[in-house]
Amino acid sequence: MPDPLVIRRYRPEDQAEVMQLHILPMLQVGAYKGEGPWDDDLRQIEKVYCNPYGDFLVGLLHGRMVVMGALRKTGSGRCEIRRVRVHPDFQRQGLGRKIINRLEGHARQLGYHTVHLQTQEIQHAAREFYRRLGYRETRRKVLDGRDYVEFEKVL
């Protein structure tokens, strides 16, 4: 039986749904900071992510956007996974793992050997999720008044 989740590259007509999918899970855990320059990348997805060095993927379940994630180059052989979101109604169903696996596979194809990412400290479930996927904590920092945890994984 085929997987009902369809993962594809971002399209400009996805913009409104991407913003909704970004905000909803962040509100749920108290991590949404409101509208601001910290989300400028989401207003320029094609420029920031959809280039020869990165990607922005969305996952649709029966036509509904339920998961997303992005990849971008940060250095020689290094890339960052960003904006991983799973709609709250669809969490704990393996969708986050599927989008991460796809992004990591693309990172390997692009020649990256190390992937890094960050999440807010208050996002306990996300931190545990990344640990289960083999990411190790590398440092903690404060950014825009919020505590963040950085992770890294060698591919």
Protein backbone atom coordinates (compact mmCIF):
# COMPACT_ATOMS: atom_id res chain seq x y z
CA MET A 1 0.00 0.00 0.00
CA PRO A 2 1.52 3.37 -0.98
CA ASP A 3 2.31 5.96 1.67
CA PRO A 4 -0.52 8.54 1.71
CA LEU A 5 2.00 11.28 2.58
CA VAL A 6 3.19 13.14 -0.51
CA ILE A 7 6.41 15.08 0.05
CA ARG A 8 7.27 17.66 -2.58
CA ARG A 9 9.18 20.88 -3.05
CA TYR A 10 7.62 24.17 -1.97
CA ARG A 11 5.63 26.13 -4.54
CA PRO A 12 4.79 29.86 -4.29
CA GLU A 13 1.09 29.04 -3.94
CA ASP A 14 1.95 27.19 -0.70
CA GLN A 15 2.94 30.41 1.09
CA ALA A 16 -0.23 30.95 3.17
CA GLU A 17 -0.39 27.30 4.26
CA VAL A 18 3.31 27.32 5.16
CA MET A 19 2.81 30.33 7.42
CA GLN A 20 -0.18 28.66 9.11
CA LEU A 21 1.76 25.44 9.59
CA HIS A 22 4.69 27.42 11.00
CA ILE A 23 2.59 29.29 13.57
CA LEU A 24 0.16 26.63 14.85
CA PRO A 25 2.63 24.15 16.42
CA MET A 26 4.71 27.01 17.82
CA LEU A 27 1.63 28.48 19.53
CA GLN A 28 0.81 25.07 20.96
CA VAL A 29 4.10 24.88 22.90
CA GLY A 30 4.41 28.58 23.72
CA ALA A 31 7.32 29.12 21.35
CA TYR A 32 5.73 31.53 18.87
CA LYS A 33 7.31 34.99 19.14
CA GLY A 34 4.77 36.77 16.98
CA GLU A 35 5.41 38.34 13.62
CA GLY A 36 8.89 39.75 13.21
CA PRO A 37 12.16 39.73 11.29
CA TRP A 38 12.98 36.27 12.67
CA ASP A 39 10.53 34.89 10.10
CA ASP A 40 11.91 36.81 7.10
CA ASP A 41 13.18 33.54 5.58
CA LEU A 42 9.59 32.28 5.40
CA ARG A 43 8.62 35.34 3.38
CA GLN A 44 11.42 34.56 0.87
CA ILE A 45 11.41 30.76 0.72
CA GLU A 46 12.46 30.48 -2.91
CA LYS A 47 15.40 32.84 -2.47
CA VAL A 48 16.60 31.44 0.88
CA TYR A 49 16.02 27.69 0.41
CA CYS A 50 15.04 26.70 -3.15
CA ASN A 51 18.45 26.99 -4.75
CA PRO A 52 21.19 24.53 -5.76
CA TYR A 53 22.42 24.36 -2.13
CA GLY A 54 19.15 23.76 -0.25
CA ASP A 55 15.49 22.89 -0.36
CA PHE A 56 12.12 23.50 1.27
CA LEU A 57 9.79 20.52 1.42
CA VAL A 58 6.13 20.24 2.30
CA GLY A 59 4.22 17.07 3.09
CA LEU A 60 0.59 16.65 2.11
CA LEU A 61 -1.77 14.10 3.55
CA HIS A 62 -4.91 13.77 1.42
CA GLY A 63 -4.15 17.21 -0.04
CA ARG A 64 -3.66 18.91 3.35
CA MET A 65 -0.26 20.35 4.31
CA VAL A 66 0.70 18.62 7.56
CA VAL A 67 4.52 18.74 7.69
CA MET A 68 7.35 20.88 6.36
CA GLY A 69 11.07 21.36 6.65
CA ALA A 70 13.94 23.21 5.02
CA LEU A 71 17.62 22.76 4.28
CA ARG A 72 20.27 25.38 3.58
CA LYS A 73 24.03 25.52 3.21
CA THR A 74 25.93 27.07 6.12
CA GLY A 75 29.53 26.24 5.26
CA SER A 76 31.84 23.89 3.45
CA GLY A 77 30.28 20.45 3.84
CA ARG A 78 27.76 21.77 6.40
CA CYS A 79 24.07 22.51 6.18
CA GLU A 80 21.25 23.42 8.51
CA ILE A 81 17.80 21.89 8.80
CA ARG A 82 15.24 24.54 9.65
CA ARG A 83 11.54 25.14 9.96
CA VAL A 84 10.55 21.56 10.73
CA ARG A 85 6.89 21.70 11.68
CA VAL A 86 4.21 19.04 12.04
CA HIS A 87 0.58 20.05 12.40
CA PRO A 88 -0.51 19.33 16.00
CA ASP A 89 -3.32 17.02 14.82
CA PHE A 90 -0.75 14.82 13.05
CA GLN A 91 2.13 14.71 15.53
CA ARG A 92 3.57 11.41 16.76
CA GLN A 93 2.71 9.64 13.50
CA GLY A 94 6.21 9.56 12.02
CA LEU A 95 5.72 12.54 9.70
CA GLY A 96 8.53 14.57 11.24
CA ARG A 97 10.88 11.62 10.86
CA LYS A 98 9.89 11.29 7.20
CA ILE A 99 10.61 14.94 6.41
CA ILE A 100 13.94 14.84 8.29
CA ASN A 101 14.94 11.63 6.50
CA ARG A 102 14.16 13.23 3.14
CA LEU A 103 16.12 16.37 4.03
CA GLU A 104 19.10 14.36 5.27
CA GLY A 105 19.04 12.29 2.07
CA HIS A 106 19.07 15.46 0.00
CA ALA A 107 21.91 16.82 2.15
CA ARG A 108 23.96 13.71 1.34
CA GLN A 109 23.23 14.12 -2.38
CA LEU A 110 24.43 17.72 -2.18
CA GLY A 111 27.70 16.58 -0.59
CA TYR A 112 27.12 17.76 2.95
CA HIS A 113 28.73 15.68 5.69
CA THR A 114 27.33 17.48 8.74
CA VAL A 115 23.82 18.70 9.51
CA HIS A 116 23.01 21.06 12.34
CA LEU A 117 19.81 22.55 13.69
CA GLN A 118 18.43 24.41 16.66
CA THR A 119 15.23 24.47 18.65
CA GLN A 120 13.96 26.49 21.54
CA GLU A 121 14.72 25.06 24.95
CA ILE A 122 11.02 24.99 25.86
CA GLN A 123 10.32 22.59 22.98
CA HIS A 124 11.01 19.46 25.01
CA ALA A 125 9.38 17.05 22.55
CA ALA A 126 11.41 18.46 19.65
CA ARG A 127 14.65 18.12 21.59
CA GLU A 128 13.91 14.47 22.39
CA PHE A 129 12.85 13.85 18.79
CA TYR A 130 16.19 15.11 17.46
CA ARG A 131 18.11 13.03 19.99
CA ARG A 132 16.22 9.91 18.88
CA LEU A 133 17.25 10.69 15.29
CA GLY A 134 20.92 10.70 16.26
CA TYR A 135 21.52 14.40 16.77
CA ARG A 136 23.75 15.40 19.66
CA GLU A 137 23.52 18.62 21.59
CA THR A 138 26.45 20.92 20.85
CA ARG A 139 25.64 24.11 22.75
CA ARG A 140 23.01 26.38 24.23
CA LYS A 141 22.54 30.06 23.51
CA VAL A 142 20.17 32.97 24.01
CA LEU A 143 18.77 34.61 20.88
CA ASP A 144 16.12 37.34 20.83
CA GLY A 145 15.58 36.75 24.55
CA ARG A 146 14.84 33.03 24.10
CA ASP A 147 16.91 30.00 25.14
CA TYR A 148 17.94 27.72 22.27
CA VAL A 149 19.61 24.33 22.05
CA GLU A 150 21.82 23.53 19.06
CA PHE A 151 22.24 20.00 17.71
CA GLU A 152 24.50 18.36 15.13
CA LYS A 153 24.65 15.07 13.25
CA VAL A 154 27.38 13.62 11.06
CA LEU A 155 25.80 12.03 7.99
